[in-house]
Amino acid sequence: MKATGVIRKIDGLGRIVIPMEIRNKLNVSQNDPLEIHVEGNSILVKKYEPDCTFCGSSKNTVDYKGKIVCEKCLEELKRLK
């Protein structure tokens, strides 16, 4: 992992501020969902990308009748009609 040289302290409620430069680079805006998990002794934060209900892919997903579906599975569903 490359160090960015940015250091932030955790506030009394356990929050940190992600610098604007990093948010812009990752295209993260206010109210975007973020995924947080632990890997070894590191905390990883990434923009949340929902997975397809059927195949688990996170590429090119859309909300179809309340379900997250990738474009490939959506095409397969259309052929079933």
Protein backbone atom coordinates (compact mmCIF):
# COMPACT_ATOMS: atom_id res chain seq x y z
CA MET A 1 0.00 0.00 0.00
CA LYS A 2 1.42 3.38 -0.97
CA ALA A 3 1.57 6.02 1.78
CA THR A 4 -0.16 9.28 0.87
CA GLY A 5 1.46 11.42 3.53
CA VAL A 6 -1.94 12.39 4.95
CA ILE A 7 -2.49 11.75 8.65
CA ARG A 8 -5.86 12.15 10.36
CA LYS A 9 -6.84 11.64 13.99
CA ILE A 10 -9.95 9.77 15.06
CA ASP A 11 -12.44 12.04 16.84
CA GLY A 12 -14.36 11.22 20.02
CA LEU A 13 -17.08 9.42 18.04
CA GLY A 14 -14.60 7.23 16.15
CA ARG A 15 -14.80 9.23 12.90
CA ILE A 16 -12.09 10.33 10.50
CA VAL A 17 -12.24 12.76 7.60
CA ILE A 18 -11.19 11.37 4.22
CA PRO A 19 -9.29 14.15 2.46
CA MET A 20 -10.98 15.75 -0.55
CA GLU A 21 -8.10 14.79 -2.85
CA ILE A 22 -8.65 11.10 -2.07
CA ARG A 23 -12.46 11.37 -2.35
CA ASN A 24 -12.10 13.06 -5.74
CA LYS A 25 -9.62 10.45 -6.98
CA LEU A 26 -12.02 7.63 -6.04
CA ASN A 27 -15.16 9.51 -7.17
CA VAL A 28 -16.66 9.36 -3.67
CA SER A 29 -19.31 11.96 -2.88
CA GLN A 30 -21.37 12.90 0.17
CA ASN A 31 -23.78 10.09 1.15
CA ASP A 32 -22.07 7.48 -1.07
CA PRO A 33 -21.98 4.10 0.68
CA LEU A 34 -18.52 2.88 1.66
CA GLU A 35 -17.44 -0.66 2.49
CA ILE A 36 -15.13 -1.02 5.48
CA HIS A 37 -13.27 -4.18 6.42
CA VAL A 38 -10.10 -5.36 8.14
CA GLU A 39 -7.22 -7.08 6.38
CA GLY A 40 -4.42 -8.07 8.73
CA ASN A 41 -3.68 -4.95 10.76
CA SER A 42 -5.09 -2.56 8.13
CA ILE A 43 -8.51 -0.95 7.81
CA LEU A 44 -9.63 -0.90 4.18
CA VAL A 45 -12.25 1.55 2.94
CA LYS A 46 -13.64 1.35 -0.59
CA LYS A 47 -16.63 2.64 -2.46
CA TYR A 48 -19.45 0.11 -2.15
CA GLU A 49 -20.43 -1.57 -5.39
CA PRO A 50 -23.44 -3.88 -5.04
CA ASP A 51 -23.19 -7.42 -6.45
CA CYS A 52 -25.58 -9.06 -8.91
CA THR A 53 -28.25 -11.11 -7.16
CA PHE A 54 -27.71 -14.01 -9.57
CA CYS A 55 -24.01 -14.24 -10.50
CA GLY A 56 -22.28 -12.06 -7.89
CA SER A 57 -20.61 -9.73 -10.42
CA SER A 58 -20.23 -6.09 -9.39
CA LYS A 59 -19.68 -4.81 -12.94
CA ASN A 60 -22.42 -2.91 -14.80
CA THR A 61 -25.17 -3.52 -12.25
CA VAL A 62 -28.62 -1.95 -12.31
CA ASP A 63 -31.60 -1.99 -9.98
CA TYR A 64 -34.29 -4.14 -11.60
CA LYS A 65 -37.55 -4.36 -9.64
CA GLY A 66 -35.73 -3.96 -6.33
CA LYS A 67 -32.95 -6.45 -7.12
CA ILE A 68 -29.38 -5.69 -8.18
CA VAL A 69 -28.75 -7.40 -11.52
CA CYS A 70 -25.77 -7.18 -13.89
CA GLU A 71 -26.41 -6.41 -17.56
CA LYS A 72 -25.53 -9.98 -18.61
CA CYS A 73 -28.06 -11.57 -16.24
CA LEU A 74 -30.65 -8.93 -17.16
CA GLU A 75 -30.33 -9.96 -20.82
CA GLU A 76 -30.80 -13.61 -19.81
CA LEU A 77 -33.92 -12.67 -17.83
CA LYS A 78 -35.35 -10.84 -20.84
CA ARG A 79 -34.92 -13.98 -22.96
CA LEU A 80 -36.99 -16.02 -20.47
CA LYS A 81 -40.19 -14.09 -21.23
